[in-house]
C-alpha atoms as a PDB file:
ATOM      1  CA  MET A   1      28.608  -1.122 -12.275  1.00  0.00           C
ATOM      2  CA  ILE A   2      25.518  -1.676 -10.121  1.00  0.00           C
ATOM      3  CA  PHE A   3      24.683   0.847  -7.434  1.00  0.00           C
ATOM      4  CA  LYS A   4      22.690  -0.085  -4.366  1.00  0.00           C
ATOM      5  CA  LYS A   5      20.082   2.420  -3.225  1.00  0.00           C
ATOM      6  CA  SER A   6      20.928   4.217  -0.023  1.00  0.00           C
ATOM      7  CA  VAL A   7      18.884   3.489   3.078  1.00  0.00           C
ATOM      8  CA  LYS A   8      17.558   7.048   2.935  1.00  0.00           C
ATOM      9  CA  THR A   9      16.316   6.503  -0.634  1.00  0.00           C
ATOM     10  CA  GLN A  10      14.741   3.172   0.290  1.00  0.00           C
ATOM     11  CA  ILE A  11      12.949   4.818   3.231  1.00  0.00           C
ATOM     12  CA  GLU A  12      11.665   7.656   1.032  1.00  0.00           C
ATOM     13  CA  GLU A  13      10.402   5.202  -1.580  1.00  0.00           C
ATOM     14  CA  ALA A  14       8.680   3.053   1.063  1.00  0.00           C
ATOM     15  CA  GLU A  15       6.989   6.106   2.583  1.00  0.00           C
ATOM     16  CA  LYS A  16       5.721   7.170  -0.846  1.00  0.00           C
ATOM     17  CA  GLU A  17       4.468   3.672  -1.577  1.00  0.00           C
ATOM     18  CA  ILE A  18       2.592   3.622   1.743  1.00  0.00           C
ATOM     19  CA  ASP A  19       0.932   6.913   0.795  1.00  0.00           C
ATOM     20  CA  ASP A  20      -0.007   5.472  -2.608  1.00  0.00           C
ATOM     21  CA  CYS A  21      -1.432   2.317  -1.023  1.00  0.00           C
ATOM     22  CA  ILE A  22      -3.512   4.361   1.415  1.00  0.00           C
ATOM     23  CA  GLU A  23      -4.878   6.470  -1.435  1.00  0.00           C
ATOM     24  CA  ALA A  24      -5.715   3.369  -3.476  1.00  0.00           C
ATOM     25  CA  LYS A  25      -7.533   1.867  -0.487  1.00  0.00           C
ATOM     26  CA  GLU A  26      -9.571   5.047  -0.087  1.00  0.00           C
ATOM     27  CA  VAL A  27     -10.576   5.030  -3.763  1.00  0.00           C
ATOM     28  CA  LEU A  28     -11.618   1.381  -3.598  1.00  0.00           C
ATOM     29  CA  ASP A  29     -13.476   1.897  -0.332  1.00  0.00           C
ATOM     30  CA  ASN A  30     -15.387   4.853  -1.790  1.00  0.00           C
ATOM     31  CA  ALA A  31     -16.332   2.811  -4.857  1.00  0.00           C
ATOM     32  CA  ILE A  32     -17.721   0.074  -2.610  1.00  0.00           C
ATOM     33  CA  LYS A  33     -19.598   2.564  -0.425  1.00  0.00           C
ATOM     34  CA  CYS A  34     -21.275   4.183  -3.441  1.00  0.00           C
ATOM     35  CA  GLY A  35     -23.097   0.930  -4.051  1.00  0.00           C
ATOM     36  CA  PHE A  36     -23.066   1.117  -7.844  1.00  0.00           C
ATOM     37  CA  LEU A  37     -20.710  -1.852  -8.307  1.00  0.00           C
ATOM     38  CA  PHE A  38     -21.925  -5.359  -8.963  1.00  0.00           C
ATOM     39  CA  ASP A  39     -21.572  -7.518  -5.850  1.00  0.00           C
ATOM     40  CA  LYS A  40     -18.851  -9.634  -7.429  1.00  0.00           C
ATOM     41  CA  HIS A  41     -16.861  -6.480  -8.233  1.00  0.00           C
ATOM     42  CA  SER A  42     -17.249  -5.221  -4.669  1.00  0.00           C
ATOM     43  CA  LEU A  43     -15.809  -8.522  -3.458  1.00  0.00           C
ATOM     44  CA  VAL A  44     -12.846  -8.140  -5.791  1.00  0.00           C
ATOM     45  CA  CYS A  45     -12.269  -4.610  -4.478  1.00  0.00           C
ATOM     46  CA  GLN A  46     -12.367  -5.937  -0.914  1.00  0.00           C
ATOM     47  CA  GLU A  47      -9.679  -8.473  -1.816  1.00  0.00           C
ATOM     48  CA  TRP A  48      -7.562  -5.697  -3.315  1.00  0.00           C
ATOM     49  CA  ILE A  49      -7.988  -3.648  -0.134  1.00  0.00           C
ATOM     50  CA  LYS A  50      -6.659  -6.629   1.847  1.00  0.00           C
ATOM     51  CA  GLU A  51      -3.644  -6.791  -0.460  1.00  0.00           C
ATOM     52  CA  TYR A  52      -2.966  -3.084   0.079  1.00  0.00           C
ATOM     53  CA  ASN A  53      -3.268  -3.594   3.850  1.00  0.00           C
ATOM     54  CA  HIS A  54      -0.708  -6.420   3.705  1.00  0.00           C
ATOM     55  CA  ARG A  55       1.645  -4.288   1.620  1.00  0.00           C
ATOM     56  CA  ILE A  56       1.315  -1.373   4.046  1.00  0.00           C
ATOM     57  CA  GLU A  57       2.150  -3.641   6.988  1.00  0.00           C
ATOM     58  CA  TYR A  58       5.153  -5.055   5.126  1.00  0.00           C
ATOM     59  CA  LEU A  59       6.425  -1.564   4.323  1.00  0.00           C
ATOM     60  CA  LYS A  60       5.904  -0.375   7.901  1.00  0.00           C
ATOM     61  CA  ASN A  61       7.944  -3.334   9.138  1.00  0.00           C
ATOM     62  CA  PHE A  62      10.640  -2.532   6.587  1.00  0.00           C
ATOM     63  CA  LEU A  63      10.705   1.104   7.706  1.00  0.00           C
ATOM     64  CA  GLU A  64      10.968   0.128  11.350  1.00  0.00           C
ATOM     65  CA  GLY A  65      13.924  -2.111  10.579  1.00  0.00           C
ATOM     66  CA  ALA A  66      15.593   0.419   8.301  1.00  0.00           C
ATOM     67  CA  ARG A  67      15.286   3.206  10.853  1.00  0.00           C
ATOM     68  CA  ASN A  68      16.486   1.053  13.747  1.00  0.00           C
ATOM     69  CA  GLY A  69      19.181  -0.792  11.817  1.00  0.00           C
END
């Protein structure tokens, strides 16, 4: 038997993932600001930050729909 996660559980998981994404962005941003990375690695980190930003926006949209639905 397959159980579907409750909306409450999905919301809690999305909120935790947003927190994790924000923390990851902060770590990457600090690494870039320190200036000890090779330029090509800084560029990769900037791409990762963009990915985290997209994921955060997706999760925020999900949360808005879940809370209003």
